[in-house]
Amino acid sequence: MARYRTRLPQLDGGPFLTDGGLETTLVFIDGIDLPHFAAIDLLRRDGGRERLKQYSEQYLQIARDNGCGFVLESVTWRASRDWTRKLGYSEAEHLRLNQVAIEDLAALRDRWETPATPVVVSGNIGPRGDGYDPGDVMTTQEAEAYHACQIALFSDTEADMVTAMTLTNVPEAVGIVRAAARRSMPSVISFTLETDGRLPTGQPLGEAIEETDAATDGAAAYYMINCAHPTHFESVLAKGGDWINRIRGVRANASTRSHAELDNSTDLDAGDPEQLGRDYARLRTLLPAANVFGGCCGTDHRHLEQIGGRCSGHARAA
């Protein structure tokens, strides 16, 4: 059963890590074809579950080495109904694979968790559309109805929480938080940011957090930033505001490229892992509540080794 649904241990302030860019690792480093960039497809392939297990265990070892907790994210970022239909899955496959994704993480938690390394199982939710382009923005009611199915699936598993990543707009965030609250599931909202530190809709980050909180009575457990390089948003954070204290996590890109450049890229820009670690250390001075650190596009275990050392106090300051 879920261990931390009533109280997420990362809310107590200790350092936590999560993984890097799963899909970019599988595609650009492993050379695995992912239709629609959907990692859930590996659950249907020979050897796929074992590869995903190895992927997660590499990060769990980094967390253990640095005395950090760990948030295991399921491979379900593109496994909501619209995406599994595009993948050609039946309704039965859609249901089964979302459940299997959590079962595999629960098994990893049972093997790796220690008192010094609590392991939280998170059901990962992606946007209905593209993570870079808001497209036709749903109403909050439409978003709640759409995401309620996947959240309901997770609520009947050993998942402790749901994390919605690469969200581009507030109505979808509000719908997810409301759907999760109806199922008594802790929820985390992670917004995609552009090179100017704003959401793809053009809305300022602080305004998006405040609007989401106002529409949901602050029901989200916390917020995260993802899919942008630290240099794209640190000036926004430096301006401050009460909303800063709602940000508990960062999953930055390794690359300084814009989303348009990344979309059109045929190579992987992994940036400089050591520099990214220093960037995260700098971000910590701007985000007093942040204690959950991972990566997004282009990041892998090398980046998390640097980030883990810097953010757990196991590395020298820059």
C-alpha atoms as a PDB file:
ATOM      1  CA  MET A   1       0.000   0.000   0.000  1.00  0.00           C
ATOM      2  CA  ALA A   2       1.014   3.655  -0.340  1.00  0.00           C
ATOM      3  CA  ARG A   3       3.351   4.654   2.486  1.00  0.00           C
ATOM      4  CA  TYR A   4       3.401   8.415   2.331  1.00  0.00           C
ATOM      5  CA  ARG A   5       0.059   9.535   0.966  1.00  0.00           C
ATOM      6  CA  THR A   6      -0.954  11.194   4.226  1.00  0.00           C
ATOM      7  CA  ARG A   7       2.383  12.946   4.719  1.00  0.00           C
ATOM      8  CA  LEU A   8       5.001  13.303   1.999  1.00  0.00           C
ATOM      9  CA  PRO A   9       8.456  13.111   3.626  1.00  0.00           C
ATOM     10  CA  GLN A  10       9.905  15.737   1.281  1.00  0.00           C
ATOM     11  CA  LEU A  11       7.639  18.288   2.986  1.00  0.00           C
ATOM     12  CA  ASP A  12       9.800  17.950   6.086  1.00  0.00           C
ATOM     13  CA  GLY A  13      12.688  19.675   4.307  1.00  0.00           C
ATOM     14  CA  GLY A  14      15.365  17.017   3.924  1.00  0.00           C
ATOM     15  CA  PRO A  15      17.186  16.714   0.557  1.00  0.00           C
ATOM     16  CA  PHE A  16      15.494  14.629  -2.136  1.00  0.00           C
ATOM     17  CA  LEU A  17      16.567  13.701  -5.632  1.00  0.00           C
ATOM     18  CA  THR A  18      14.612  12.418  -8.586  1.00  0.00           C
ATOM     19  CA  ASP A  19      15.743  11.268 -12.034  1.00  0.00           C
ATOM     20  CA  GLY A  20      16.933  13.108 -15.127  1.00  0.00           C
ATOM     21  CA  GLY A  21      15.588  13.254 -18.664  1.00  0.00           C
ATOM     22  CA  LEU A  22      14.201   9.744 -19.122  1.00  0.00           C
ATOM     23  CA  GLU A  23      12.983  10.126 -22.674  1.00  0.00           C
ATOM     24  CA  THR A  24      16.072  11.944 -23.962  1.00  0.00           C
ATOM     25  CA  THR A  25      18.264   9.300 -22.322  1.00  0.00           C
ATOM     26  CA  LEU A  26      16.345   6.458 -23.944  1.00  0.00           C
ATOM     27  CA  VAL A  27      16.231   8.078 -27.386  1.00  0.00           C
ATOM     28  CA  PHE A  28      19.594   9.820 -27.710  1.00  0.00           C
ATOM     29  CA  ILE A  29      21.863   7.726 -25.469  1.00  0.00           C
ATOM     30  CA  ASP A  30      20.295   4.269 -25.677  1.00  0.00           C
ATOM     31  CA  GLY A  31      19.103   4.665 -29.267  1.00  0.00           C
ATOM     32  CA  ILE A  32      15.612   3.382 -28.435  1.00  0.00           C
ATOM     33  CA  ASP A  33      12.741   4.440 -30.656  1.00  0.00           C
ATOM     34  CA  LEU A  34       9.906   5.916 -28.583  1.00  0.00           C
ATOM     35  CA  PRO A  35       6.734   6.576 -30.587  1.00  0.00           C
ATOM     36  CA  HIS A  36       5.315   9.934 -29.523  1.00  0.00           C
ATOM     37  CA  PHE A  37       8.203  10.152 -27.013  1.00  0.00           C
ATOM     38  CA  ALA A  38       6.207   7.799 -24.768  1.00  0.00           C
ATOM     39  CA  ALA A  39       8.424   5.785 -22.432  1.00  0.00           C
ATOM     40  CA  ILE A  40       5.460   3.670 -21.339  1.00  0.00           C
ATOM     41  CA  ASP A  41       5.885   1.749 -24.582  1.00  0.00           C
ATOM     42  CA  LEU A  42       8.899  -0.014 -23.051  1.00  0.00           C
ATOM     43  CA  LEU A  43       6.533  -1.854 -20.716  1.00  0.00           C
ATOM     44  CA  ARG A  44       5.271  -3.757 -23.771  1.00  0.00           C
ATOM     45  CA  ARG A  45       8.706  -4.722 -25.111  1.00  0.00           C
ATOM     46  CA  ASP A  46      11.043  -7.577 -24.340  1.00  0.00           C
ATOM     47  CA  GLY A  47      13.658  -6.304 -21.907  1.00  0.00           C
ATOM     48  CA  GLY A  48      11.928  -2.948 -21.524  1.00  0.00           C
ATOM     49  CA  ARG A  49      11.007  -3.292 -17.879  1.00  0.00           C
ATOM     50  CA  GLU A  50      14.529  -4.435 -17.029  1.00  0.00           C
ATOM     51  CA  ARG A  51      16.021  -1.391 -18.806  1.00  0.00           C
ATOM     52  CA  LEU A  52      13.734   0.933 -16.869  1.00  0.00           C
ATOM     53  CA  LYS A  53      14.673  -0.812 -13.623  1.00  0.00           C
ATOM     54  CA  GLN A  54      18.381  -0.286 -14.366  1.00  0.00           C
ATOM     55  CA  TYR A  55      17.702   3.343 -15.217  1.00  0.00           C
ATOM     56  CA  SER A  56      15.967   3.995 -11.880  1.00  0.00           C
ATOM     57  CA  GLU A  57      18.490   2.064  -9.821  1.00  0.00           C
ATOM     58  CA  GLN A  58      21.339   4.180 -11.150  1.00  0.00           C
ATOM     59  CA  TYR A  59      19.631   7.259  -9.699  1.00  0.00           C
ATOM     60  CA  LEU A  60      18.611   5.533  -6.489  1.00  0.00           C
ATOM     61  CA  GLN A  61      22.275   4.724  -5.889  1.00  0.00           C
ATOM     62  CA  ILE A  62      23.167   8.399  -6.317  1.00  0.00           C
ATOM     63  CA  ALA A  63      20.523   9.336  -3.750  1.00  0.00           C
ATOM     64  CA  ARG A  64      21.796   6.730  -1.310  1.00  0.00           C
ATOM     65  CA  ASP A  65      25.408   7.843  -1.794  1.00  0.00           C
ATOM     66  CA  ASN A  66      24.413  11.423  -0.969  1.00  0.00           C
ATOM     67  CA  GLY A  67      22.117  10.652   1.959  1.00  0.00           C
ATOM     68  CA  CYS A  68      19.074  11.906   0.067  1.00  0.00           C
ATOM     69  CA  GLY A  69      15.515  10.720  -0.237  1.00  0.00           C
ATOM     70  CA  PHE A  70      14.215   9.901  -3.701  1.00  0.00           C
ATOM     71  CA  VAL A  71      11.032  10.513  -5.701  1.00  0.00           C
ATOM     72  CA  LEU A  72      10.423   7.709  -8.211  1.00  0.00           C
ATOM     73  CA  GLU A  73       8.419   8.992 -11.185  1.00  0.00           C
ATOM     74  CA  SER A  74       6.402   6.504 -13.227  1.00  0.00           C
ATOM     75  CA  VAL A  75       6.907   6.217 -17.000  1.00  0.00           C
ATOM     76  CA  THR A  76       3.398   7.556 -17.600  1.00  0.00           C
ATOM     77  CA  TRP A  77       4.093  11.123 -18.714  1.00  0.00           C
ATOM     78  CA  ARG A  78       2.496  10.269 -22.052  1.00  0.00           C
ATOM     79  CA  ALA A  79       0.071   7.595 -20.916  1.00  0.00           C
ATOM     80  CA  SER A  80      -3.193   9.476 -20.539  1.00  0.00           C
ATOM     81  CA  ARG A  81      -6.031   8.377 -22.827  1.00  0.00           C
ATOM     82  CA  ASP A  82      -5.310  10.682 -25.784  1.00  0.00           C
ATOM     83  CA  TRP A  83      -1.698   9.544 -25.906  1.00  0.00           C
ATOM     84  CA  THR A  84      -2.341   5.809 -25.496  1.00  0.00           C
ATOM     85  CA  ARG A  85      -4.921   6.025 -28.284  1.00  0.00           C
ATOM     86  CA  LYS A  86      -2.261   7.555 -30.521  1.00  0.00           C
ATOM     87  CA  LEU A  87      -0.015   4.641 -29.549  1.00  0.00           C
ATOM     88  CA  GLY A  88      -2.728   2.208 -30.608  1.00  0.00           C
ATOM     89  CA  TYR A  89      -3.376   0.776 -27.149  1.00  0.00           C
ATOM     90  CA  SER A  90      -6.673  -0.796 -26.250  1.00  0.00           C
ATOM     91  CA  GLU A  91      -8.572   0.440 -23.218  1.00  0.00           C
ATOM     92  CA  ALA A  92      -7.452  -2.654 -21.325  1.00  0.00           C
ATOM     93  CA  GLU A  93      -3.792  -1.948 -22.192  1.00  0.00           C
ATOM     94  CA  HIS A  94      -4.171   1.680 -21.135  1.00  0.00           C
ATOM     95  CA  LEU A  95      -5.432   0.618 -17.726  1.00  0.00           C
ATOM     96  CA  ARG A  96      -2.990  -2.244 -17.243  1.00  0.00           C
ATOM     97  CA  LEU A  97       0.175  -0.404 -18.246  1.00  0.00           C
ATOM     98  CA  ASN A  98      -0.539   2.595 -16.024  1.00  0.00           C
ATOM     99  CA  GLN A  99      -0.952   0.169 -13.136  1.00  0.00           C
ATOM    100  CA  VAL A 100       2.142  -1.871 -14.027  1.00  0.00           C
ATOM    101  CA  ALA A 101       4.223   1.318 -14.125  1.00  0.00           C
ATOM    102  CA  ILE A 102       3.389   1.936 -10.460  1.00  0.00           C
ATOM    103  CA  GLU A 103       3.817  -1.715  -9.462  1.00  0.00           C
ATOM    104  CA  ASP A 104       7.375  -1.680 -10.810  1.00  0.00           C
ATOM    105  CA  LEU A 105       8.217   1.444  -8.807  1.00  0.00           C
ATOM    106  CA  ALA A 106       6.717  -0.007  -5.636  1.00  0.00           C
ATOM    107  CA  ALA A 107       8.991  -3.042  -6.062  1.00  0.00           C
ATOM    108  CA  LEU A 108      11.997  -0.736  -6.437  1.00  0.00           C
ATOM    109  CA  ARG A 109      10.981   1.178  -3.316  1.00  0.00           C
ATOM    110  CA  ASP A 110      10.782  -2.046  -1.330  1.00  0.00           C
ATOM    111  CA  ARG A 111      14.339  -2.968  -2.365  1.00  0.00           C
ATOM    112  CA  TRP A 112      15.983   0.442  -2.006  1.00  0.00           C
ATOM    113  CA  GLU A 113      14.296   2.352   0.798  1.00  0.00           C
ATOM    114  CA  THR A 114      16.248   2.900   4.012  1.00  0.00           C
ATOM    115  CA  PRO A 115      15.679   5.241   6.975  1.00  0.00           C
ATOM    116  CA  ALA A 116      18.191   7.659   5.402  1.00  0.00           C
ATOM    117  CA  THR A 117      16.698   7.299   1.910  1.00  0.00           C
ATOM    118  CA  PRO A 118      12.905   7.404   1.999  1.00  0.00           C
ATOM    119  CA  VAL A 119      11.506   6.554  -1.438  1.00  0.00           C
ATOM    120  CA  VAL A 120       8.280   8.181  -2.628  1.00  0.00           C
ATOM    121  CA  VAL A 121       6.292   6.686  -5.515  1.00  0.00           C
ATOM    122  CA  SER A 122       4.802   9.296  -7.849  1.00  0.00           C
ATOM    123  CA  GLY A 123       2.301   8.750 -10.642  1.00  0.00           C
ATOM    124  CA  ASN A 124       3.544  11.006 -13.416  1.00  0.00           C
ATOM    125  CA  ILE A 125       1.059  12.991 -15.472  1.00  0.00           C
ATOM    126  CA  GLY A 126       1.865  14.932 -18.614  1.00  0.00           C
ATOM    127  CA  PRO A 127      -0.140  17.584 -20.414  1.00  0.00           C
ATOM    128  CA  ARG A 128      -2.953  16.517 -22.695  1.00  0.00           C
ATOM    129  CA  GLY A 129      -1.141  18.247 -25.528  1.00  0.00           C
ATOM    130  CA  ASP A 130       2.456  19.324 -26.090  1.00  0.00           C
ATOM    131  CA  GLY A 131       4.776  20.216 -23.234  1.00  0.00           C
ATOM    132  CA  TYR A 132       6.184  23.216 -25.094  1.00  0.00           C
ATOM    133  CA  ASP A 133       3.083  24.620 -26.827  1.00  0.00           C
ATOM    134  CA  PRO A 134      -0.162  25.303 -24.926  1.00  0.00           C
ATOM    135  CA  GLY A 135      -2.220  24.906 -28.117  1.00  0.00           C
ATOM    136  CA  ASP A 136      -5.974  24.956 -27.461  1.00  0.00           C
ATOM    137  CA  VAL A 137      -6.151  25.506 -23.719  1.00  0.00           C
ATOM    138  CA  MET A 138      -8.859  23.473 -21.966  1.00  0.00           C
ATOM    139  CA  THR A 139     -11.182  24.951 -19.404  1.00  0.00           C
ATOM    140  CA  THR A 140     -10.530  23.899 -15.814  1.00  0.00           C
ATOM    141  CA  GLN A 141     -13.623  21.675 -15.989  1.00  0.00           C
ATOM    142  CA  GLU A 142     -12.396  19.970 -19.164  1.00  0.00           C
ATOM    143  CA  ALA A 143      -8.940  19.468 -17.670  1.00  0.00           C
ATOM    144  CA  GLU A 144     -10.342  17.997 -14.469  1.00  0.00           C
ATOM    145  CA  ALA A 145     -12.547  15.574 -16.383  1.00  0.00           C
ATOM    146  CA  TYR A 146      -9.740  14.529 -18.727  1.00  0.00           C
ATOM    147  CA  HIS A 147      -7.053  13.901 -16.093  1.00  0.00           C
ATOM    148  CA  ALA A 148      -9.427  12.357 -13.539  1.00  0.00           C
ATOM    149  CA  CYS A 149      -9.161   8.965 -15.258  1.00  0.00           C
ATOM    150  CA  GLN A 150      -5.401   8.593 -14.886  1.00  0.00           C
ATOM    151  CA  ILE A 151      -5.446  10.046 -11.370  1.00  0.00           C
ATOM    152  CA  ALA A 152      -8.173   7.573 -10.380  1.00  0.00           C
ATOM    153  CA  LEU A 153      -5.979   4.740 -11.671  1.00  0.00           C
ATOM    154  CA  PHE A 154      -3.067   5.946  -9.556  1.00  0.00           C
ATOM    155  CA  SER A 155      -5.223   6.386  -6.471  1.00  0.00           C
ATOM    156  CA  ASP A 156      -6.022   2.656  -6.560  1.00  0.00           C
ATOM    157  CA  THR A 157      -2.313   1.723  -6.625  1.00  0.00           C
ATOM    158  CA  GLU A 158       0.660   2.136  -4.285  1.00  0.00           C
ATOM    159  CA  ALA A 159       1.393   5.624  -5.628  1.00  0.00           C
ATOM    160  CA  ASP A 160       1.910   8.161  -2.848  1.00  0.00           C
ATOM    161  CA  MET A 161       1.262  11.221  -5.005  1.00  0.00           C
ATOM    162  CA  VAL A 162       0.822  12.507  -8.543  1.00  0.00           C
ATOM    163  CA  THR A 163       3.225  14.868 -10.283  1.00  0.00           C
ATOM    164  CA  ALA A 164       2.055  16.819 -13.328  1.00  0.00           C
ATOM    165  CA  MET A 165       5.079  17.805 -15.399  1.00  0.00           C
ATOM    166  CA  THR A 166       5.693  20.119 -18.358  1.00  0.00           C
ATOM    167  CA  LEU A 167       2.407  21.935 -17.840  1.00  0.00           C
ATOM    168  CA  THR A 168       2.046  24.999 -20.029  1.00  0.00           C
ATOM    169  CA  ASN A 169      -1.028  26.711 -18.623  1.00  0.00           C
ATOM    170  CA  VAL A 170      -2.981  27.384 -15.439  1.00  0.00           C
ATOM    171  CA  PRO A 171      -6.414  25.919 -16.321  1.00  0.00           C
ATOM    172  CA  GLU A 172      -4.889  22.489 -16.867  1.00  0.00           C
ATOM    173  CA  ALA A 173      -2.953  22.782 -13.601  1.00  0.00           C
ATOM    174  CA  VAL A 174      -6.110  23.728 -11.724  1.00  0.00           C
ATOM    175  CA  GLY A 175      -8.025  20.805 -13.219  1.00  0.00           C
ATOM    176  CA  ILE A 176      -5.319  18.345 -12.184  1.00  0.00           C
ATOM    177  CA  VAL A 177      -5.113  19.658  -8.625  1.00  0.00           C
ATOM    178  CA  ARG A 178      -8.888  19.469  -8.258  1.00  0.00           C
ATOM    179  CA  ALA A 179      -9.049  15.935  -9.697  1.00  0.00           C
ATOM    180  CA  ALA A 180      -6.288  14.794  -7.343  1.00  0.00           C
ATOM    181  CA  ALA A 181      -7.978  16.389  -4.331  1.00  0.00           C
ATOM    182  CA  ARG A 182     -11.183  14.517  -5.081  1.00  0.00           C
ATOM    183  CA  ARG A 183      -9.168  11.300  -4.819  1.00  0.00           C
ATOM    184  CA  SER A 184      -7.246  12.444  -1.725  1.00  0.00           C
ATOM    185  CA  MET A 185      -4.006  12.269  -3.697  1.00  0.00           C
ATOM    186  CA  PRO A 186      -1.236  14.779  -2.948  1.00  0.00           C
ATOM    187  CA  SER A 187      -0.420  16.641  -6.151  1.00  0.00           C
ATOM    188  CA  VAL A 188       2.607  18.506  -7.448  1.00  0.00           C
ATOM    189  CA  ILE A 189       2.469  20.950 -10.348  1.00  0.00           C
ATOM    190  CA  SER A 190       5.579  21.519 -12.452  1.00  0.00           C
ATOM    191  CA  PHE A 191       5.433  24.309 -15.036  1.00  0.00           C
ATOM    192  CA  THR A 192       7.400  24.466 -18.265  1.00  0.00           C
ATOM    193  CA  LEU A 193       9.212  27.788 -18.631  1.00  0.00           C
ATOM    194  CA  GLU A 194      10.506  29.586 -21.706  1.00  0.00           C
ATOM    195  CA  THR A 195      13.830  31.405 -22.057  1.00  0.00           C
ATOM    196  CA  ASP A 196      12.213  34.509 -20.503  1.00  0.00           C
ATOM    197  CA  GLY A 197      11.152  32.602 -17.383  1.00  0.00           C
ATOM    198  CA  ARG A 198       7.458  32.730 -18.305  1.00  0.00           C
ATOM    199  CA  LEU A 199       5.035  29.918 -19.088  1.00  0.00           C
ATOM    200  CA  PRO A 200       4.527  29.159 -22.800  1.00  0.00           C
ATOM    201  CA  THR A 201       1.258  31.115 -22.550  1.00  0.00           C
ATOM    202  CA  GLY A 202       3.328  34.187 -21.656  1.00  0.00           C
ATOM    203  CA  GLN A 203       2.051  34.256 -18.071  1.00  0.00           C
ATOM    204  CA  PRO A 204       4.611  35.091 -15.369  1.00  0.00           C
ATOM    205  CA  LEU A 205       5.528  32.141 -13.158  1.00  0.00           C
ATOM    206  CA  GLY A 206       4.575  33.831  -9.893  1.00  0.00           C
ATOM    207  CA  GLU A 207       1.184  34.821 -11.261  1.00  0.00           C
ATOM    208  CA  ALA A 208       0.567  31.244 -12.472  1.00  0.00           C
ATOM    209  CA  ILE A 209       1.337  29.796  -9.032  1.00  0.00           C
ATOM    210  CA  GLU A 210      -0.808  32.352  -7.247  1.00  0.00           C
ATOM    211  CA  GLU A 211      -3.729  31.829  -9.657  1.00  0.00           C
ATOM    212  CA  THR A 212      -3.561  28.052  -9.317  1.00  0.00           C
ATOM    213  CA  ASP A 213      -3.456  28.285  -5.527  1.00  0.00           C
ATOM    214  CA  ALA A 214      -6.353  30.739  -5.453  1.00  0.00           C
ATOM    215  CA  ALA A 215      -8.522  28.446  -7.605  1.00  0.00           C
ATOM    216  CA  THR A 216      -7.759  25.341  -5.537  1.00  0.00           C
ATOM    217  CA  ASP A 217      -7.464  26.706  -1.982  1.00  0.00           C
ATOM    218  CA  GLY A 218      -3.749  25.915  -2.111  1.00  0.00           C
ATOM    219  CA  ALA A 219      -4.405  22.185  -2.479  1.00  0.00           C
ATOM    220  CA  ALA A 220      -1.200  21.384  -4.388  1.00  0.00           C
ATOM    221  CA  ALA A 221       1.499  19.992  -2.108  1.00  0.00           C
ATOM    222  CA  TYR A 222       4.061  22.175  -3.865  1.00  0.00           C
ATOM    223  CA  TYR A 223       5.246  23.443  -7.234  1.00  0.00           C
ATOM    224  CA  MET A 224       8.240  22.703  -9.424  1.00  0.00           C
ATOM    225  CA  ILE A 225      10.018  24.269 -12.381  1.00  0.00           C
ATOM    226  CA  ASN A 226      10.970  22.121 -15.350  1.00  0.00           C
ATOM    227  CA  CYS A 227      12.197  22.052 -18.932  1.00  0.00           C
ATOM    228  CA  ALA A 228      14.274  25.243 -18.894  1.00  0.00           C
ATOM    229  CA  HIS A 229      17.917  25.975 -18.151  1.00  0.00           C
ATOM    230  CA  PRO A 230      18.586  27.784 -14.830  1.00  0.00           C
ATOM    231  CA  THR A 231      19.813  30.855 -16.706  1.00  0.00           C
ATOM    232  CA  HIS A 232      16.351  31.149 -18.261  1.00  0.00           C
ATOM    233  CA  PHE A 233      14.516  31.699 -14.996  1.00  0.00           C
ATOM    234  CA  GLU A 234      16.874  32.670 -12.180  1.00  0.00           C
ATOM    235  CA  SER A 235      16.333  36.392 -12.806  1.00  0.00           C
ATOM    236  CA  VAL A 236      12.603  35.829 -12.284  1.00  0.00           C
ATOM    237  CA  LEU A 237      13.269  34.078  -8.979  1.00  0.00           C
ATOM    238  CA  ALA A 238      15.608  36.860  -7.873  1.00  0.00           C
ATOM    239  CA  LYS A 239      12.685  39.313  -7.872  1.00  0.00           C
ATOM    240  CA  GLY A 240      11.122  37.322  -5.042  1.00  0.00           C
ATOM    241  CA  GLY A 241       7.587  37.244  -3.722  1.00  0.00           C
ATOM    242  CA  ASP A 242       5.608  35.014  -1.370  1.00  0.00           C
ATOM    243  CA  TRP A 243       4.989  32.539  -4.212  1.00  0.00           C
ATOM    244  CA  ILE A 244       8.694  31.636  -4.156  1.00  0.00           C
ATOM    245  CA  ASN A 245       8.066  29.615  -0.998  1.00  0.00           C
ATOM    246  CA  ARG A 246       5.635  27.352  -2.864  1.00  0.00           C
ATOM    247  CA  ILE A 247       8.425  26.091  -5.153  1.00  0.00           C
ATOM    248  CA  ARG A 248       9.985  22.979  -3.661  1.00  0.00           C
ATOM    249  CA  GLY A 249      11.497  21.361  -6.745  1.00  0.00           C
ATOM    250  CA  VAL A 250      13.565  22.000  -9.866  1.00  0.00           C
ATOM    251  CA  ARG A 251      14.024  19.806 -12.936  1.00  0.00           C
ATOM    252  CA  ALA A 252      16.083  21.961 -15.282  1.00  0.00           C
ATOM    253  CA  ASN A 253      17.373  21.281 -18.779  1.00  0.00           C
ATOM    254  CA  ALA A 254      21.045  20.650 -19.400  1.00  0.00           C
ATOM    255  CA  SER A 255      20.882  22.777 -22.530  1.00  0.00           C
ATOM    256  CA  THR A 256      20.493  26.525 -22.846  1.00  0.00           C
ATOM    257  CA  ARG A 257      18.666  26.038 -26.156  1.00  0.00           C
ATOM    258  CA  SER A 258      15.121  27.315 -26.587  1.00  0.00           C
ATOM    259  CA  HIS A 259      12.237  24.873 -26.933  1.00  0.00           C
ATOM    260  CA  ALA A 260      12.048  25.590 -30.656  1.00  0.00           C
ATOM    261  CA  GLU A 261      15.734  24.751 -31.011  1.00  0.00           C
ATOM    262  CA  LEU A 262      15.322  21.564 -28.970  1.00  0.00           C
ATOM    263  CA  ASP A 263      12.312  20.502 -31.033  1.00  0.00           C
ATOM    264  CA  ASN A 264      14.316  20.834 -34.247  1.00  0.00           C
ATOM    265  CA  SER A 265      17.489  19.276 -32.873  1.00  0.00           C
ATOM    266  CA  THR A 266      18.794  15.922 -34.109  1.00  0.00           C
ATOM    267  CA  ASP A 267      21.484  15.717 -31.432  1.00  0.00           C
ATOM    268  CA  LEU A 268      21.540  15.728 -27.652  1.00  0.00           C
ATOM    269  CA  ASP A 269      22.895  18.849 -25.971  1.00  0.00           C
ATOM    270  CA  ALA A 270      24.008  17.530 -22.569  1.00  0.00           C
ATOM    271  CA  GLY A 271      25.648  20.803 -21.572  1.00  0.00           C
ATOM    272  CA  ASP A 272      28.208  20.703 -18.761  1.00  0.00           C
ATOM    273  CA  PRO A 273      27.197  18.508 -15.785  1.00  0.00           C
ATOM    274  CA  GLU A 274      29.586  20.248 -13.378  1.00  0.00           C
ATOM    275  CA  GLN A 275      28.327  23.672 -14.376  1.00  0.00           C
ATOM    276  CA  LEU A 276      24.725  22.553 -13.993  1.00  0.00           C
ATOM    277  CA  GLY A 277      25.553  21.396 -10.472  1.00  0.00           C
ATOM    278  CA  ARG A 278      26.931  24.855  -9.705  1.00  0.00           C
ATOM    279  CA  ASP A 279      23.819  26.416 -11.247  1.00  0.00           C
ATOM    280  CA  TYR A 280      21.619  24.376  -8.918  1.00  0.00           C
ATOM    281  CA  ALA A 281      23.662  25.432  -5.907  1.00  0.00           C
ATOM    282  CA  ARG A 282      23.042  29.041  -6.942  1.00  0.00           C
ATOM    283  CA  LEU A 283      19.309  28.383  -7.380  1.00  0.00           C
ATOM    284  CA  ARG A 284      19.101  27.114  -3.818  1.00  0.00           C
ATOM    285  CA  THR A 285      19.934  30.605  -2.563  1.00  0.00           C
ATOM    286  CA  LEU A 286      16.915  31.924  -4.489  1.00  0.00           C
ATOM    287  CA  LEU A 287      14.496  29.132  -3.519  1.00  0.00           C
ATOM    288  CA  PRO A 288      14.494  28.775   0.278  1.00  0.00           C
ATOM    289  CA  ALA A 289      11.941  25.930   0.296  1.00  0.00           C
ATOM    290  CA  ALA A 290      13.435  23.887  -2.553  1.00  0.00           C
ATOM    291  CA  ASN A 291      14.673  20.429  -1.610  1.00  0.00           C
ATOM    292  CA  VAL A 292      13.633  18.168  -4.530  1.00  0.00           C
ATOM    293  CA  PHE A 293      16.133  18.166  -7.382  1.00  0.00           C
ATOM    294  CA  GLY A 294      16.224  16.335 -10.689  1.00  0.00           C
ATOM    295  CA  GLY A 295      16.740  17.007 -14.363  1.00  0.00           C
ATOM    296  CA  CYS A 296      14.790  17.389 -17.572  1.00  0.00           C
ATOM    297  CA  CYS A 297      15.790  17.345 -21.253  1.00  0.00           C
ATOM    298  CA  GLY A 298      19.377  16.233 -21.841  1.00  0.00           C
ATOM    299  CA  THR A 299      20.210  15.373 -18.229  1.00  0.00           C
ATOM    300  CA  ASP A 300      21.372  11.939 -17.104  1.00  0.00           C
ATOM    301  CA  HIS A 301      23.120  10.327 -14.128  1.00  0.00           C
ATOM    302  CA  ARG A 302      26.229  12.499 -14.625  1.00  0.00           C
ATOM    303  CA  HIS A 303      24.219  15.650 -14.012  1.00  0.00           C
ATOM    304  CA  LEU A 304      22.428  14.179 -10.990  1.00  0.00           C
ATOM    305  CA  GLU A 305      25.742  13.147  -9.443  1.00  0.00           C
ATOM    306  CA  GLN A 306      26.772  16.801  -9.552  1.00  0.00           C
ATOM    307  CA  ILE A 307      23.377  18.095  -8.456  1.00  0.00           C
ATOM    308  CA  GLY A 308      23.140  15.536  -5.662  1.00  0.00           C
ATOM    309  CA  GLY A 309      26.528  16.477  -4.267  1.00  0.00           C
ATOM    310  CA  ARG A 310      25.838  20.206  -4.417  1.00  0.00           C
ATOM    311  CA  CYS A 311      22.321  20.044  -3.021  1.00  0.00           C
ATOM    312  CA  SER A 312      22.997  17.555  -0.251  1.00  0.00           C
ATOM    313  CA  GLY A 313      26.129  19.281   1.041  1.00  0.00           C
ATOM    314  CA  HIS A 314      28.401  16.416  -0.088  1.00  0.00           C
ATOM    315  CA  ALA A 315      30.356  18.613  -2.500  1.00  0.00           C
ATOM    316  CA  ARG A 316      32.433  21.717  -2.040  1.00  0.00           C
ATOM    317  CA  ALA A 317      30.696  24.979  -2.766  1.00  0.00           C
ATOM    318  CA  ALA A 318      31.509  26.649  -6.075  1.00  0.00           C
END
